N, C-alpha and C. Protein backbone atom coordinates (compact mmCIF):
# COMPACT_ATOMS: atom_id res chain seq x y z
N MET A 1 -33.34 37.08 22.01
CA MET A 1 -32.67 36.12 21.12
C MET A 1 -31.42 36.76 20.51
N VAL A 2 -30.28 35.99 20.55
CA VAL A 2 -29.02 36.53 20.05
C VAL A 2 -28.85 36.15 18.58
N HIS A 3 -28.55 37.13 17.75
CA HIS A 3 -28.35 36.89 16.33
C HIS A 3 -26.86 37.03 16.00
N ALA A 4 -26.30 36.00 15.33
CA ALA A 4 -24.89 36.05 14.93
C ALA A 4 -24.74 36.92 13.70
N SER A 5 -23.63 37.61 13.62
CA SER A 5 -23.37 38.45 12.45
C SER A 5 -23.12 37.57 11.23
N PRO A 6 -23.34 38.09 10.03
CA PRO A 6 -23.08 37.31 8.81
C PRO A 6 -21.65 36.79 8.74
N ARG A 7 -20.67 37.57 9.25
CA ARG A 7 -19.26 37.14 9.21
C ARG A 7 -19.06 35.91 10.10
N VAL A 8 -19.68 35.90 11.29
CA VAL A 8 -19.55 34.76 12.20
C VAL A 8 -20.16 33.51 11.56
N VAL A 9 -21.33 33.68 10.95
CA VAL A 9 -21.99 32.55 10.30
C VAL A 9 -21.13 32.01 9.17
N LEU A 10 -20.54 32.92 8.37
CA LEU A 10 -19.71 32.51 7.24
C LEU A 10 -18.48 31.75 7.73
N ASN A 11 -17.84 32.25 8.79
CA ASN A 11 -16.66 31.58 9.34
C ASN A 11 -17.01 30.19 9.86
N PHE A 12 -18.17 30.09 10.50
CA PHE A 12 -18.59 28.79 11.03
C PHE A 12 -18.83 27.79 9.90
N LEU A 13 -19.51 28.24 8.86
CA LEU A 13 -19.78 27.35 7.72
C LEU A 13 -18.48 26.93 7.04
N SER A 14 -17.51 27.85 6.95
CA SER A 14 -16.22 27.53 6.35
C SER A 14 -15.50 26.47 7.17
N PHE A 15 -15.58 26.59 8.49
CA PHE A 15 -14.94 25.60 9.38
C PHE A 15 -15.56 24.22 9.17
N ILE A 16 -16.89 24.16 9.11
CA ILE A 16 -17.57 22.89 8.91
C ILE A 16 -17.17 22.26 7.58
N LEU A 17 -17.11 23.08 6.52
CA LEU A 17 -16.74 22.58 5.20
C LEU A 17 -15.33 22.04 5.19
N CYS A 18 -14.38 22.76 5.80
CA CYS A 18 -12.98 22.30 5.86
C CYS A 18 -12.87 21.00 6.63
N SER A 19 -13.61 20.90 7.73
CA SER A 19 -13.57 19.68 8.53
C SER A 19 -14.07 18.50 7.72
N PHE A 20 -15.12 18.72 6.94
CA PHE A 20 -15.67 17.65 6.10
C PHE A 20 -14.67 17.20 5.05
N LEU A 21 -14.01 18.17 4.41
CA LEU A 21 -13.05 17.84 3.36
C LEU A 21 -11.86 17.08 3.92
N LEU A 22 -11.38 17.48 5.09
CA LEU A 22 -10.24 16.80 5.70
C LEU A 22 -10.59 15.39 6.08
N SER A 23 -11.79 15.19 6.61
CA SER A 23 -12.18 13.83 6.98
C SER A 23 -12.36 12.97 5.75
N ALA A 24 -12.80 13.56 4.66
CA ALA A 24 -12.97 12.80 3.43
C ALA A 24 -11.63 12.35 2.89
N CYS A 25 -10.59 13.21 3.02
CA CYS A 25 -9.27 12.86 2.54
C CYS A 25 -8.66 11.73 3.35
N ALA A 26 -9.08 11.60 4.59
CA ALA A 26 -8.48 10.60 5.47
C ALA A 26 -9.01 9.20 5.21
N SER A 27 -10.12 9.08 4.48
CA SER A 27 -10.69 7.76 4.22
C SER A 27 -10.57 7.44 2.74
N TYR A 28 -10.42 6.14 2.46
CA TYR A 28 -10.22 5.71 1.07
C TYR A 28 -11.52 5.16 0.50
N ASP A 29 -11.87 5.57 -0.67
CA ASP A 29 -13.05 5.06 -1.36
C ASP A 29 -12.63 3.96 -2.32
N GLY A 30 -12.96 2.72 -2.00
CA GLY A 30 -12.55 1.58 -2.81
C GLY A 30 -13.09 1.60 -4.22
N ARG A 31 -14.09 2.43 -4.49
CA ARG A 31 -14.65 2.49 -5.84
C ARG A 31 -13.64 3.00 -6.85
N LEU A 32 -12.59 3.70 -6.38
CA LEU A 32 -11.58 4.24 -7.29
C LEU A 32 -10.86 3.13 -8.04
N ASN A 33 -10.72 1.96 -7.41
CA ASN A 33 -10.00 0.86 -8.03
C ASN A 33 -10.94 -0.22 -8.58
N SER A 34 -12.22 0.03 -8.56
CA SER A 34 -13.18 -0.99 -9.00
C SER A 34 -13.42 -0.89 -10.50
N SER A 35 -13.40 -2.06 -11.16
CA SER A 35 -13.65 -2.09 -12.60
C SER A 35 -15.13 -1.93 -12.92
N THR A 36 -16.00 -1.98 -11.89
CA THR A 36 -17.44 -1.87 -12.13
C THR A 36 -17.97 -0.46 -11.87
N THR A 37 -17.12 0.42 -11.36
CA THR A 37 -17.55 1.79 -11.08
C THR A 37 -17.89 2.51 -12.38
N GLN A 38 -19.02 3.21 -12.39
CA GLN A 38 -19.45 3.94 -13.58
C GLN A 38 -19.27 5.44 -13.36
N TYR A 39 -19.00 6.15 -14.46
CA TYR A 39 -18.77 7.58 -14.41
C TYR A 39 -19.70 8.27 -15.40
N LEU A 40 -19.97 9.55 -15.15
CA LEU A 40 -20.81 10.33 -16.05
C LEU A 40 -19.92 10.97 -17.10
N GLY A 41 -20.16 10.64 -18.37
CA GLY A 41 -19.37 11.19 -19.46
C GLY A 41 -19.71 12.65 -19.71
N THR A 42 -18.85 13.31 -20.49
CA THR A 42 -19.07 14.74 -20.76
C THR A 42 -20.33 14.99 -21.58
N ASP A 43 -20.78 13.96 -22.30
CA ASP A 43 -22.00 14.11 -23.10
C ASP A 43 -23.23 13.60 -22.38
N GLY A 44 -23.07 13.28 -21.09
CA GLY A 44 -24.20 12.80 -20.32
C GLY A 44 -24.35 11.29 -20.32
N SER A 45 -23.50 10.59 -21.09
CA SER A 45 -23.58 9.13 -21.14
C SER A 45 -22.91 8.51 -19.92
N ILE A 46 -23.23 7.24 -19.66
CA ILE A 46 -22.62 6.50 -18.56
C ILE A 46 -21.41 5.74 -19.09
N VAL A 47 -20.26 5.93 -18.45
CA VAL A 47 -19.02 5.31 -18.89
C VAL A 47 -18.55 4.33 -17.83
N THR A 48 -18.20 3.10 -18.26
CA THR A 48 -17.64 2.09 -17.36
C THR A 48 -16.21 1.83 -17.77
N ARG A 49 -15.30 1.71 -16.81
CA ARG A 49 -13.90 1.44 -17.13
C ARG A 49 -13.78 0.13 -17.89
N THR A 50 -12.98 0.15 -18.95
CA THR A 50 -12.77 -1.07 -19.73
C THR A 50 -11.57 -1.84 -19.23
N SER A 51 -10.68 -1.20 -18.47
CA SER A 51 -9.50 -1.87 -17.94
C SER A 51 -9.77 -2.35 -16.53
N THR A 52 -9.35 -3.58 -16.23
CA THR A 52 -9.51 -4.12 -14.89
C THR A 52 -8.29 -3.85 -14.03
N SER A 53 -7.26 -3.23 -14.60
CA SER A 53 -6.06 -2.92 -13.82
C SER A 53 -6.37 -1.80 -12.85
N SER A 54 -5.72 -1.83 -11.70
CA SER A 54 -5.95 -0.81 -10.69
C SER A 54 -5.25 0.48 -11.08
N LEU A 55 -5.66 1.56 -10.43
CA LEU A 55 -5.01 2.85 -10.67
C LEU A 55 -3.54 2.77 -10.29
N SER A 56 -3.22 2.02 -9.24
CA SER A 56 -1.83 1.90 -8.81
C SER A 56 -0.98 1.19 -9.85
N GLU A 57 -1.54 0.18 -10.51
CA GLU A 57 -0.79 -0.52 -11.56
C GLU A 57 -0.57 0.38 -12.76
N ARG A 58 -1.56 1.18 -13.10
CA ARG A 58 -1.43 2.04 -14.27
C ARG A 58 -0.53 3.24 -14.00
N ALA A 59 -0.24 3.51 -12.73
CA ALA A 59 0.69 4.58 -12.38
C ALA A 59 2.11 4.05 -12.25
N SER A 60 2.30 2.76 -12.54
CA SER A 60 3.60 2.11 -12.39
C SER A 60 4.11 1.64 -13.74
N TYR A 61 5.44 1.48 -13.86
CA TYR A 61 5.98 0.96 -15.11
C TYR A 61 7.32 0.28 -14.86
N TRP A 62 7.72 -0.54 -15.84
CA TRP A 62 9.02 -1.22 -15.79
C TRP A 62 9.65 -1.18 -17.16
N ALA A 63 10.92 -0.74 -17.24
CA ALA A 63 11.65 -0.67 -18.50
C ALA A 63 13.09 -1.09 -18.29
N GLY A 64 13.29 -2.09 -17.42
CA GLY A 64 14.65 -2.45 -17.05
C GLY A 64 15.19 -3.74 -17.63
N ASP A 65 14.41 -4.44 -18.44
CA ASP A 65 14.87 -5.74 -18.94
C ASP A 65 16.09 -5.63 -19.84
N SER A 66 16.23 -4.55 -20.56
CA SER A 66 17.35 -4.40 -21.49
C SER A 66 18.51 -3.60 -20.90
N VAL A 67 18.41 -3.27 -19.62
CA VAL A 67 19.45 -2.48 -18.95
C VAL A 67 20.23 -3.38 -18.00
N ASN A 68 21.54 -3.35 -18.11
CA ASN A 68 22.40 -4.16 -17.25
C ASN A 68 23.00 -3.31 -16.13
N GLY A 69 23.60 -3.99 -15.17
CA GLY A 69 24.28 -3.27 -14.10
C GLY A 69 23.63 -3.48 -12.76
N PRO A 70 24.30 -3.03 -11.69
CA PRO A 70 23.81 -3.24 -10.33
C PRO A 70 22.50 -2.49 -10.07
N ALA A 71 21.63 -3.13 -9.29
CA ALA A 71 20.32 -2.56 -8.98
C ALA A 71 20.37 -1.77 -7.68
N ALA A 72 19.46 -0.83 -7.56
CA ALA A 72 19.29 -0.06 -6.32
C ALA A 72 17.83 0.38 -6.24
N ILE A 73 17.28 0.34 -5.04
CA ILE A 73 15.88 0.69 -4.82
C ILE A 73 15.80 1.89 -3.89
N VAL A 74 14.98 2.87 -4.28
CA VAL A 74 14.73 4.04 -3.44
C VAL A 74 13.23 4.14 -3.20
N ILE A 75 12.82 4.20 -1.94
CA ILE A 75 11.41 4.32 -1.58
C ILE A 75 11.21 5.68 -0.92
N LYS A 76 10.33 6.49 -1.48
CA LYS A 76 10.07 7.83 -0.95
C LYS A 76 8.68 7.84 -0.30
N LEU A 77 8.68 7.96 1.03
CA LEU A 77 7.44 7.88 1.78
C LEU A 77 6.49 9.02 1.41
N GLY A 78 7.03 10.21 1.22
CA GLY A 78 6.20 11.35 0.88
C GLY A 78 5.50 11.20 -0.45
N ASP A 79 6.19 10.56 -1.40
CA ASP A 79 5.62 10.33 -2.73
C ASP A 79 4.73 9.10 -2.78
N GLN A 80 4.90 8.20 -1.80
CA GLN A 80 4.27 6.87 -1.86
C GLN A 80 4.63 6.20 -3.19
N LYS A 81 5.95 6.23 -3.48
CA LYS A 81 6.46 5.64 -4.72
C LYS A 81 7.76 4.88 -4.44
N LEU A 82 8.00 3.86 -5.24
CA LEU A 82 9.27 3.14 -5.25
C LEU A 82 9.93 3.41 -6.58
N TYR A 83 11.23 3.73 -6.54
CA TYR A 83 12.01 4.01 -7.74
C TYR A 83 13.11 2.95 -7.86
N TYR A 84 13.16 2.30 -9.02
CA TYR A 84 14.11 1.20 -9.23
C TYR A 84 15.17 1.65 -10.24
N TYR A 85 16.44 1.47 -9.86
CA TYR A 85 17.56 1.91 -10.69
C TYR A 85 18.44 0.73 -11.08
N LYS A 86 19.03 0.83 -12.27
CA LYS A 86 20.09 -0.07 -12.70
C LYS A 86 21.24 0.78 -13.23
N SER A 87 22.42 0.56 -12.66
CA SER A 87 23.60 1.37 -13.03
C SER A 87 23.31 2.86 -12.93
N GLY A 88 22.50 3.24 -11.95
CA GLY A 88 22.19 4.64 -11.74
C GLY A 88 21.09 5.19 -12.62
N LYS A 89 20.55 4.36 -13.52
CA LYS A 89 19.50 4.80 -14.44
C LYS A 89 18.14 4.35 -13.93
N LEU A 90 17.18 5.27 -13.90
CA LEU A 90 15.83 4.93 -13.46
C LEU A 90 15.16 4.05 -14.51
N VAL A 91 14.79 2.83 -14.10
CA VAL A 91 14.19 1.89 -15.06
C VAL A 91 12.80 1.42 -14.62
N GLY A 92 12.36 1.82 -13.44
CA GLY A 92 11.05 1.39 -12.99
C GLY A 92 10.52 2.26 -11.87
N VAL A 93 9.20 2.42 -11.86
CA VAL A 93 8.52 3.19 -10.81
C VAL A 93 7.27 2.43 -10.42
N SER A 94 6.97 2.42 -9.13
CA SER A 94 5.75 1.77 -8.68
C SER A 94 5.10 2.57 -7.56
N ALA A 95 3.78 2.62 -7.60
CA ALA A 95 3.04 3.13 -6.45
C ALA A 95 3.22 2.15 -5.30
N VAL A 96 3.19 2.66 -4.08
CA VAL A 96 3.33 1.81 -2.90
C VAL A 96 2.35 2.28 -1.82
N SER A 97 2.19 1.46 -0.80
CA SER A 97 1.54 1.89 0.43
C SER A 97 2.47 1.51 1.57
N THR A 98 2.93 2.50 2.31
CA THR A 98 3.90 2.28 3.38
C THR A 98 3.20 2.27 4.74
N GLY A 99 3.99 2.26 5.82
CA GLY A 99 3.43 2.14 7.15
C GLY A 99 2.59 3.33 7.56
N ARG A 100 1.44 3.04 8.14
CA ARG A 100 0.56 4.10 8.63
C ARG A 100 1.09 4.63 9.96
N GLU A 101 0.47 5.70 10.45
CA GLU A 101 0.90 6.33 11.69
C GLU A 101 0.88 5.32 12.84
N GLY A 102 1.97 5.26 13.56
CA GLY A 102 2.10 4.29 14.64
C GLY A 102 2.77 3.02 14.21
N HIS A 103 2.84 2.79 12.90
CA HIS A 103 3.53 1.63 12.32
C HIS A 103 4.42 2.12 11.18
N ASP A 104 5.13 3.20 11.41
CA ASP A 104 5.90 3.85 10.35
C ASP A 104 6.97 2.94 9.76
N SER A 105 7.11 3.01 8.45
CA SER A 105 8.19 2.28 7.77
C SER A 105 9.53 2.88 8.19
N PRO A 106 10.54 2.05 8.42
CA PRO A 106 11.84 2.58 8.86
C PRO A 106 12.52 3.39 7.77
N VAL A 107 13.15 4.47 8.18
CA VAL A 107 13.89 5.34 7.25
C VAL A 107 15.38 5.06 7.39
N GLY A 108 16.08 4.98 6.26
CA GLY A 108 17.51 4.74 6.31
C GLY A 108 18.00 3.94 5.12
N LYS A 109 19.20 3.41 5.25
CA LYS A 109 19.81 2.61 4.18
C LYS A 109 19.87 1.15 4.61
N PHE A 110 19.38 0.27 3.74
CA PHE A 110 19.27 -1.15 4.04
C PHE A 110 19.73 -1.97 2.84
N LYS A 111 19.63 -3.28 2.96
CA LYS A 111 19.88 -4.19 1.84
C LYS A 111 18.86 -5.32 1.88
N VAL A 112 18.52 -5.84 0.72
CA VAL A 112 17.61 -6.98 0.65
C VAL A 112 18.29 -8.16 1.34
N GLN A 113 17.62 -8.70 2.36
CA GLN A 113 18.20 -9.77 3.17
C GLN A 113 17.61 -11.14 2.86
N LEU A 114 16.36 -11.16 2.44
CA LEU A 114 15.63 -12.42 2.27
C LEU A 114 14.61 -12.28 1.17
N LYS A 115 14.45 -13.32 0.36
CA LYS A 115 13.41 -13.35 -0.67
C LYS A 115 12.59 -14.62 -0.48
N GLU A 116 11.27 -14.46 -0.45
CA GLU A 116 10.38 -15.60 -0.25
C GLU A 116 9.11 -15.39 -1.07
N LYS A 117 8.92 -16.23 -2.06
CA LYS A 117 7.80 -16.05 -3.00
C LYS A 117 6.44 -16.13 -2.32
N ASP A 118 6.26 -17.10 -1.44
CA ASP A 118 4.96 -17.31 -0.80
C ASP A 118 5.06 -17.09 0.71
N HIS A 119 5.40 -15.89 1.08
CA HIS A 119 5.60 -15.57 2.50
C HIS A 119 4.26 -15.30 3.19
N ALA A 120 4.20 -15.61 4.49
CA ALA A 120 3.03 -15.27 5.31
C ALA A 120 3.52 -14.61 6.59
N SER A 121 2.80 -13.62 7.05
CA SER A 121 3.19 -12.90 8.26
C SER A 121 3.10 -13.82 9.47
N ASN A 122 4.07 -13.70 10.37
CA ASN A 122 4.00 -14.46 11.62
C ASN A 122 3.49 -13.59 12.77
N LEU A 123 3.00 -12.40 12.43
CA LEU A 123 2.52 -11.48 13.45
C LEU A 123 1.09 -11.01 13.21
N TYR A 124 0.75 -10.71 11.94
CA TYR A 124 -0.58 -10.20 11.61
C TYR A 124 -1.34 -11.18 10.72
N GLY A 125 -2.65 -11.31 10.96
CA GLY A 125 -3.44 -12.23 10.15
C GLY A 125 -4.86 -12.36 10.67
N ASP A 126 -5.40 -13.58 10.60
CA ASP A 126 -6.77 -13.85 11.01
C ASP A 126 -6.82 -15.09 11.89
N PHE A 127 -7.91 -15.23 12.64
CA PHE A 127 -8.21 -16.48 13.32
C PHE A 127 -9.18 -17.25 12.44
N VAL A 128 -8.82 -18.48 12.08
CA VAL A 128 -9.66 -19.29 11.20
C VAL A 128 -10.01 -20.60 11.89
N ASP A 129 -11.09 -21.25 11.42
CA ASP A 129 -11.48 -22.53 12.00
C ASP A 129 -10.78 -23.67 11.27
N ALA A 130 -11.15 -24.91 11.60
CA ALA A 130 -10.50 -26.08 11.02
C ALA A 130 -10.69 -26.18 9.51
N ASN A 131 -11.73 -25.53 8.99
CA ASN A 131 -11.99 -25.55 7.55
C ASN A 131 -11.38 -24.36 6.83
N GLY A 132 -10.66 -23.53 7.56
CA GLY A 132 -10.04 -22.36 6.94
C GLY A 132 -10.94 -21.15 6.86
N LYS A 133 -12.13 -21.23 7.44
CA LYS A 133 -13.06 -20.10 7.41
C LYS A 133 -12.60 -19.04 8.40
N VAL A 134 -12.56 -17.79 7.94
CA VAL A 134 -12.13 -16.69 8.81
C VAL A 134 -13.22 -16.41 9.86
N ILE A 135 -12.82 -16.49 11.13
CA ILE A 135 -13.74 -16.22 12.23
C ILE A 135 -13.54 -14.80 12.77
N VAL A 136 -12.27 -14.41 12.92
CA VAL A 136 -11.94 -13.05 13.36
C VAL A 136 -10.86 -12.50 12.44
N LYS A 137 -11.11 -11.35 11.83
CA LYS A 137 -10.16 -10.76 10.88
C LYS A 137 -9.23 -9.77 11.58
N ASN A 138 -8.08 -9.56 10.93
CA ASN A 138 -7.13 -8.50 11.33
C ASN A 138 -6.74 -8.58 12.81
N VAL A 139 -6.08 -9.69 13.16
CA VAL A 139 -5.65 -9.88 14.54
C VAL A 139 -4.12 -9.84 14.62
N THR A 140 -3.62 -9.66 15.83
CA THR A 140 -2.18 -9.69 16.08
C THR A 140 -1.86 -10.92 16.91
N TYR A 141 -0.96 -11.74 16.42
CA TYR A 141 -0.59 -13.00 17.07
C TYR A 141 0.00 -12.72 18.46
N LYS A 142 -0.43 -13.51 19.44
CA LYS A 142 0.02 -13.43 20.83
C LYS A 142 -0.43 -12.14 21.53
N VAL A 143 -1.25 -11.35 20.85
CA VAL A 143 -1.85 -10.18 21.48
C VAL A 143 -3.35 -10.39 21.60
N ASP A 144 -3.99 -10.75 20.48
CA ASP A 144 -5.41 -11.06 20.48
C ASP A 144 -5.62 -12.53 20.85
N LYS A 145 -6.68 -12.80 21.58
CA LYS A 145 -6.97 -14.16 22.03
C LYS A 145 -7.81 -14.90 20.99
N ALA A 146 -7.37 -16.10 20.64
CA ALA A 146 -8.08 -16.89 19.64
C ALA A 146 -9.34 -17.50 20.23
N PRO A 147 -10.49 -17.37 19.55
CA PRO A 147 -11.71 -18.03 20.02
C PRO A 147 -11.53 -19.55 20.02
N PRO A 148 -12.27 -20.27 20.84
CA PRO A 148 -12.17 -21.74 20.87
C PRO A 148 -12.38 -22.35 19.48
N GLY A 149 -11.54 -23.31 19.14
CA GLY A 149 -11.68 -24.00 17.86
C GLY A 149 -11.06 -23.27 16.69
N THR A 150 -10.32 -22.20 16.96
CA THR A 150 -9.67 -21.45 15.87
C THR A 150 -8.16 -21.45 16.06
N HIS A 151 -7.46 -21.09 15.00
CA HIS A 151 -6.01 -20.94 15.07
C HIS A 151 -5.59 -19.74 14.22
N PHE A 152 -4.39 -19.27 14.44
CA PHE A 152 -3.87 -18.10 13.73
C PHE A 152 -3.41 -18.48 12.33
N GLN A 153 -3.78 -17.66 11.36
CA GLN A 153 -3.31 -17.82 9.99
C GLN A 153 -2.73 -16.48 9.53
N GLY A 154 -1.42 -16.46 9.26
CA GLY A 154 -0.76 -15.22 8.89
C GLY A 154 -1.21 -14.66 7.56
N SER A 155 -1.20 -13.35 7.45
CA SER A 155 -1.59 -12.69 6.20
C SER A 155 -0.62 -13.06 5.08
N SER A 156 -1.17 -13.32 3.91
CA SER A 156 -0.35 -13.66 2.75
C SER A 156 0.42 -12.44 2.27
N MET A 157 1.72 -12.63 2.01
CA MET A 157 2.58 -11.56 1.51
C MET A 157 3.39 -12.07 0.32
N PRO A 158 2.75 -12.26 -0.83
CA PRO A 158 3.45 -12.82 -2.00
C PRO A 158 4.61 -11.93 -2.45
N TRP A 159 5.63 -12.58 -3.02
CA TRP A 159 6.80 -11.89 -3.58
C TRP A 159 7.50 -11.03 -2.52
N PHE A 160 7.69 -11.60 -1.35
CA PHE A 160 8.23 -10.89 -0.20
C PHE A 160 9.74 -10.73 -0.29
N MET A 161 10.22 -9.50 -0.07
CA MET A 161 11.66 -9.21 0.00
C MET A 161 11.93 -8.40 1.26
N GLN A 162 12.53 -9.04 2.24
CA GLN A 162 12.82 -8.37 3.51
C GLN A 162 14.08 -7.53 3.41
N PHE A 163 14.00 -6.30 3.96
CA PHE A 163 15.19 -5.44 3.97
C PHE A 163 15.50 -4.86 5.34
N ALA A 164 14.61 -5.08 6.30
CA ALA A 164 14.82 -4.63 7.68
C ALA A 164 14.09 -5.63 8.58
N PRO A 165 14.41 -5.67 9.87
CA PRO A 165 13.74 -6.62 10.76
C PRO A 165 12.22 -6.51 10.71
N GLY A 166 11.55 -7.56 10.25
CA GLY A 166 10.10 -7.58 10.19
C GLY A 166 9.49 -6.71 9.11
N VAL A 167 10.30 -6.17 8.21
CA VAL A 167 9.79 -5.24 7.19
C VAL A 167 10.31 -5.65 5.82
N GLY A 168 9.40 -5.66 4.84
CA GLY A 168 9.81 -6.00 3.49
C GLY A 168 8.85 -5.43 2.46
N MET A 169 9.15 -5.70 1.20
CA MET A 169 8.29 -5.32 0.07
C MET A 169 7.50 -6.55 -0.35
N HIS A 170 6.22 -6.38 -0.65
CA HIS A 170 5.41 -7.53 -1.07
C HIS A 170 4.11 -7.05 -1.70
N THR A 171 3.42 -7.97 -2.36
CA THR A 171 2.10 -7.68 -2.92
C THR A 171 1.14 -7.30 -1.79
N GLY A 172 0.33 -6.28 -2.02
CA GLY A 172 -0.66 -5.89 -1.02
C GLY A 172 -1.61 -4.84 -1.54
N PHE A 173 -2.61 -4.54 -0.73
CA PHE A 173 -3.63 -3.56 -1.09
C PHE A 173 -3.07 -2.15 -1.01
N LEU A 174 -3.32 -1.36 -2.04
CA LEU A 174 -2.85 0.02 -2.09
C LEU A 174 -4.05 0.98 -2.09
N PRO A 175 -4.36 1.59 -0.95
CA PRO A 175 -5.48 2.52 -0.90
C PRO A 175 -5.14 3.94 -1.33
N GLY A 176 -3.85 4.19 -1.64
CA GLY A 176 -3.45 5.53 -2.04
C GLY A 176 -2.88 6.35 -0.91
N VAL A 177 -2.82 5.76 0.28
CA VAL A 177 -2.26 6.43 1.46
C VAL A 177 -1.45 5.40 2.25
N PRO A 178 -0.57 5.84 3.17
CA PRO A 178 0.13 4.89 4.03
C PRO A 178 -0.88 4.08 4.84
N ASP A 179 -0.78 2.74 4.77
CA ASP A 179 -1.84 1.92 5.37
C ASP A 179 -1.33 0.63 5.99
N SER A 180 -0.04 0.30 5.82
CA SER A 180 0.47 -1.00 6.26
C SER A 180 0.95 -0.95 7.71
N HIS A 181 1.42 -2.10 8.19
CA HIS A 181 2.01 -2.19 9.52
C HIS A 181 3.50 -1.86 9.48
N GLY A 182 3.99 -1.34 8.37
CA GLY A 182 5.39 -0.98 8.23
C GLY A 182 6.02 -1.47 6.94
N CYS A 183 5.44 -2.53 6.37
CA CYS A 183 5.95 -3.07 5.11
C CYS A 183 5.64 -2.13 3.94
N ILE A 184 6.26 -2.44 2.80
CA ILE A 184 6.04 -1.67 1.58
C ILE A 184 5.15 -2.50 0.67
N ARG A 185 3.88 -2.14 0.58
CA ARG A 185 2.95 -2.87 -0.29
C ARG A 185 3.11 -2.41 -1.73
N LEU A 186 3.00 -3.37 -2.64
CA LEU A 186 3.15 -3.11 -4.07
C LEU A 186 2.00 -3.73 -4.85
N PRO A 187 1.69 -3.22 -6.04
CA PRO A 187 0.77 -3.93 -6.93
C PRO A 187 1.39 -5.29 -7.27
N ASP A 188 0.58 -6.31 -7.42
CA ASP A 188 1.11 -7.66 -7.64
C ASP A 188 2.03 -7.73 -8.86
N LYS A 189 1.65 -7.06 -9.93
CA LYS A 189 2.46 -7.08 -11.16
C LYS A 189 3.87 -6.56 -10.89
N MET A 190 3.97 -5.45 -10.16
CA MET A 190 5.28 -4.85 -9.90
C MET A 190 6.06 -5.64 -8.86
N ALA A 191 5.36 -6.18 -7.87
CA ALA A 191 6.03 -6.99 -6.84
C ALA A 191 6.70 -8.20 -7.47
N LYS A 192 6.02 -8.82 -8.43
CA LYS A 192 6.58 -9.99 -9.11
C LYS A 192 7.81 -9.61 -9.94
N ILE A 193 7.73 -8.49 -10.66
CA ILE A 193 8.87 -8.04 -11.46
C ILE A 193 10.07 -7.76 -10.57
N PHE A 194 9.86 -6.97 -9.52
CA PHE A 194 10.97 -6.61 -8.64
C PHE A 194 11.58 -7.84 -7.97
N PHE A 195 10.72 -8.78 -7.56
CA PHE A 195 11.21 -10.00 -6.93
C PHE A 195 12.10 -10.78 -7.89
N THR A 196 11.69 -10.84 -9.14
CA THR A 196 12.41 -11.62 -10.15
C THR A 196 13.78 -11.03 -10.47
N VAL A 197 13.87 -9.71 -10.53
CA VAL A 197 15.12 -9.08 -11.00
C VAL A 197 16.05 -8.60 -9.89
N THR A 198 15.59 -8.68 -8.65
CA THR A 198 16.38 -8.11 -7.54
C THR A 198 17.22 -9.16 -6.82
N PRO A 199 18.54 -9.02 -6.84
CA PRO A 199 19.41 -9.95 -6.12
C PRO A 199 19.44 -9.65 -4.61
N ILE A 200 19.77 -10.67 -3.83
CA ILE A 200 20.03 -10.46 -2.42
C ILE A 200 21.16 -9.43 -2.28
N LYS A 201 21.10 -8.62 -1.25
CA LYS A 201 22.06 -7.55 -0.93
C LYS A 201 21.88 -6.30 -1.80
N THR A 202 20.80 -6.25 -2.58
CA THR A 202 20.52 -5.02 -3.33
C THR A 202 20.26 -3.88 -2.35
N PRO A 203 20.89 -2.72 -2.54
CA PRO A 203 20.67 -1.58 -1.63
C PRO A 203 19.23 -1.08 -1.69
N VAL A 204 18.67 -0.79 -0.53
CA VAL A 204 17.33 -0.22 -0.41
C VAL A 204 17.42 1.02 0.46
N THR A 205 17.05 2.16 -0.09
CA THR A 205 17.06 3.42 0.66
C THR A 205 15.63 3.89 0.86
N VAL A 206 15.26 4.14 2.10
CA VAL A 206 13.92 4.64 2.42
C VAL A 206 14.06 6.07 2.91
N GLU A 207 13.41 6.99 2.20
CA GLU A 207 13.50 8.42 2.52
C GLU A 207 12.12 8.97 2.86
N LYS A 208 12.13 10.05 3.64
CA LYS A 208 10.87 10.73 3.94
C LYS A 208 10.41 11.53 2.74
């Protein structure tokens, strides 16, 4: 029988632990944004969040109502943040979720081309029946085949502002990592603010 040295065993266990931690970082735990999640207090008591706002909303702010001047938007993919400027002054910050691997958000300089309050995707969505019941979730139009008796219903993208072909900023789920098909997802509160105050042709810069 072959016995491994203590060093070999230790290295193997370290590898397993690192692999576990990396895989854990790659997945999102929805409990982080749940208002019903309970935590253990320092005194041993059970603590429940009193705020129903998401972590992404509480990491965002707006202070631009009293500031005048031309607007500019900077989106930093590495930070997963959007920075909003007026006359060169930072007046707002929002958490975002940008395009995941294989659906990367475009990098470069753009301008807001289109604003649509109640936009729906013409590419991604669900197959629903005549009553609107979802039969197949997360499908791609003209790629996935619709089951008999169903039709395509595009994903809702409220407060949509397009700045590149097929790509825009809109309300969406923020898991804390890049997760979209290329669009810039925002907390609903921030998406509404930005939509309201942003004129067409506002510069949008997307950086790595």
